[in-house]
Amino acid sequence: MTDIMSTGSEFPSTPKNKKDMEEGALLAPRFDSNGLVTAIVTDVADGAVLMVAHMNSEALALTLSTGIAHYYSRSRGTLWKKGESSGNVQTVHEVRTDCDQDAILLSVSVSGHAATCHTGRRSCFYRRVETIDGKPALVMIGDQPRFDPEKVYRP
């Protein structure tokens, strides 16, 4: 990925004209009332969905300028560089936005253990919803942990 944005974390306001927003060349993310935009993360090699996270303006700007995925943790209330603790850094190969610019799609490769989930798995989507005895249930899909989170995420 090339350096798209070299300085600052401010993005332009959403264009008033719907056609400009949907068809134009201006990146003007529609951050929600908390200043966040949803980020969907896929594997560059096979398109598998690895995770869904959130980005604030600073996280998106850092991602675009460094080529390394950065996110905003709602639970911790802080910016974080994916893989900083685990070594499973996400290198960004492509960034897309949806039609109304309220979601970001990142296509990444993952270093380290090639795992994205804090549980040690490749993807955060390692369970499928099935109906069992008339009730929804979660069923493991066979994605085994690639590292021991207890050893990697020591306090």
Protein backbone atom coordinates (compact mmCIF):
# COMPACT_ATOMS: atom_id res chain seq x y z
CA MET A 1 0.00 0.00 0.00
CA THR A 2 1.28 3.44 -0.80
CA ASP A 3 1.26 6.42 1.53
CA ILE A 4 -2.18 7.92 0.91
CA MET A 5 -2.16 10.48 3.67
CA SER A 6 1.04 11.83 5.10
CA THR A 7 -0.08 14.26 7.77
CA GLY A 8 -3.01 15.03 10.01
CA SER A 9 -6.11 13.07 10.91
CA GLU A 10 -8.81 15.43 9.74
CA PHE A 11 -11.05 14.38 6.89
CA PRO A 12 -13.35 16.67 4.91
CA SER A 13 -17.02 16.94 5.79
CA THR A 14 -19.47 14.68 4.02
CA PRO A 15 -20.42 16.21 0.68
CA LYS A 16 -23.93 17.70 0.70
CA ASN A 17 -24.57 16.35 -2.79
CA LYS A 18 -25.42 12.63 -2.64
CA LYS A 19 -23.92 12.01 -6.08
CA ASP A 20 -20.63 13.60 -4.99
CA MET A 21 -20.53 11.32 -1.95
CA GLU A 22 -21.44 8.16 -3.88
CA GLU A 23 -19.55 8.79 -7.12
CA GLY A 24 -16.90 11.39 -6.30
CA ALA A 25 -13.20 11.01 -5.55
CA LEU A 26 -13.24 12.71 -2.13
CA LEU A 27 -12.68 10.47 0.89
CA ALA A 28 -15.03 11.95 3.49
CA PRO A 29 -15.88 9.17 5.97
CA ARG A 30 -19.21 9.46 7.78
CA PHE A 31 -18.13 8.98 11.39
CA ASP A 32 -21.00 8.21 13.76
CA SER A 33 -22.03 10.31 16.78
CA ASN A 34 -19.13 8.76 18.74
CA GLY A 35 -16.66 9.72 16.02
CA LEU A 36 -16.28 6.15 14.77
CA VAL A 37 -16.64 4.31 11.48
CA THR A 38 -16.99 0.51 11.18
CA ALA A 39 -14.03 -1.33 9.68
CA ILE A 40 -14.42 -4.77 8.10
CA VAL A 41 -11.12 -6.62 7.75
CA THR A 42 -10.50 -9.37 5.18
CA ASP A 43 -7.50 -11.52 4.27
CA VAL A 44 -5.83 -10.35 1.05
CA ALA A 45 -5.04 -13.96 0.05
CA ASP A 46 -8.50 -15.53 0.18
CA GLY A 47 -11.00 -12.82 1.14
CA ALA A 48 -11.92 -14.44 4.48
CA VAL A 49 -13.47 -12.03 6.97
CA LEU A 50 -11.00 -11.73 9.84
CA MET A 51 -12.59 -9.14 12.11
CA VAL A 52 -14.85 -6.14 12.48
CA ALA A 53 -13.58 -3.16 14.42
CA HIS A 54 -13.98 0.60 14.65
CA MET A 55 -11.78 3.48 13.59
CA ASN A 56 -11.80 7.08 14.65
CA SER A 57 -10.29 9.78 12.45
CA GLU A 58 -6.81 9.29 13.93
CA ALA A 59 -6.88 5.50 13.46
CA LEU A 60 -7.96 5.84 9.83
CA ALA A 61 -5.33 8.49 9.14
CA LEU A 62 -2.58 6.35 10.73
CA THR A 63 -3.72 3.33 8.75
CA LEU A 64 -3.60 5.29 5.50
CA SER A 65 -0.24 6.90 6.24
CA THR A 66 1.61 3.86 7.63
CA GLY A 67 0.03 0.93 5.79
CA ILE A 68 -0.44 -0.81 9.16
CA ALA A 69 -3.97 -1.25 10.56
CA HIS A 70 -4.87 0.95 13.53
CA TYR A 71 -8.22 0.89 15.31
CA TYR A 72 -10.10 2.57 18.14
CA SER A 73 -11.03 0.36 21.08
CA ARG A 74 -14.47 1.27 22.36
CA SER A 75 -14.01 -0.81 25.52
CA ARG A 76 -10.62 0.74 26.40
CA GLY A 77 -11.38 4.16 24.92
CA THR A 78 -8.03 4.31 23.15
CA LEU A 79 -6.25 4.01 19.83
CA TRP A 80 -4.47 0.70 19.15
CA LYS A 81 -2.15 -0.70 16.51
CA LYS A 82 -3.28 -4.21 15.60
CA GLY A 83 -0.61 -6.73 16.55
CA GLU A 84 1.39 -4.40 18.76
CA SER A 85 1.17 -6.88 21.67
CA SER A 86 0.76 -10.19 19.81
CA GLY A 87 3.07 -9.62 16.85
CA ASN A 88 0.16 -10.33 14.50
CA VAL A 89 0.48 -7.00 12.69
CA GLN A 90 -1.96 -6.32 9.85
CA THR A 91 -0.29 -4.91 6.74
CA VAL A 92 -2.90 -3.13 4.64
CA HIS A 93 -2.95 -3.89 0.91
CA GLU A 94 -6.16 -2.11 -0.04
CA VAL A 95 -8.67 0.24 1.55
CA ARG A 96 -12.22 0.65 0.27
CA THR A 97 -15.28 2.46 1.48
CA ASP A 98 -18.92 1.69 0.86
CA CYS A 99 -21.28 3.89 -1.17
CA ASP A 100 -22.20 6.29 1.63
CA GLN A 101 -18.77 6.18 3.29
CA ASP A 102 -19.95 4.91 6.67
CA ALA A 103 -17.92 1.67 6.52
CA ILE A 104 -14.31 0.92 5.66
CA LEU A 105 -13.08 -2.34 4.15
CA LEU A 106 -9.44 -3.28 4.72
CA SER A 107 -7.70 -6.05 2.80
CA VAL A 108 -4.72 -7.18 4.90
CA SER A 109 -2.01 -9.76 5.37
CA VAL A 110 -1.25 -10.78 8.94
CA SER A 111 2.28 -11.42 10.24
CA GLY A 112 3.32 -13.37 13.31
CA HIS A 113 1.03 -16.32 13.95
CA ALA A 114 -1.26 -15.18 11.09
CA ALA A 115 -3.98 -14.85 13.70
CA THR A 116 -6.28 -11.88 14.12
CA CYS A 117 -8.53 -12.81 17.05
CA HIS A 118 -7.45 -12.22 20.65
CA THR A 119 -8.47 -15.87 21.28
CA GLY A 120 -5.52 -16.91 19.11
CA ARG A 121 -7.57 -17.84 16.06
CA ARG A 122 -7.10 -16.68 12.47
CA SER A 123 -10.51 -14.98 12.43
CA CYS A 124 -12.86 -13.60 15.05
CA PHE A 125 -15.64 -15.44 13.19
CA TYR A 126 -14.88 -18.98 14.37
CA ARG A 127 -18.45 -19.99 15.32
CA ARG A 128 -21.50 -20.52 13.15
CA VAL A 129 -25.08 -19.91 14.32
CA GLU A 130 -27.22 -23.03 13.90
CA THR A 131 -30.65 -24.03 15.12
CA ILE A 132 -30.41 -26.93 17.56
CA ASP A 133 -33.57 -28.27 19.19
CA GLY A 134 -35.44 -25.25 17.86
CA LYS A 135 -33.07 -22.73 19.46
CA PRO A 136 -30.15 -20.74 18.08
CA ALA A 137 -26.78 -22.08 19.20
CA LEU A 138 -23.13 -21.37 18.44
CA VAL A 139 -21.12 -24.18 16.86
CA MET A 140 -17.33 -24.14 16.46
CA ILE A 141 -16.21 -24.33 12.82
CA GLY A 142 -12.80 -25.89 13.49
CA ASP A 143 -10.60 -22.79 13.58
CA GLN A 144 -8.13 -23.83 16.30
CA PRO A 145 -6.05 -21.24 18.17
CA ARG A 146 -2.66 -20.55 16.60
CA PHE A 147 -1.17 -19.17 19.81
CA ASP A 148 -1.87 -19.23 23.54
CA PRO A 149 -3.45 -15.89 24.51
CA GLU A 150 -2.42 -16.41 28.16
CA LYS A 151 1.25 -16.36 27.09
CA VAL A 152 0.96 -13.59 24.48
CA TYR A 153 -1.24 -11.11 26.38
CA ARG A 154 0.45 -11.09 29.78
CA PRO A 155 -0.67 -8.25 32.05
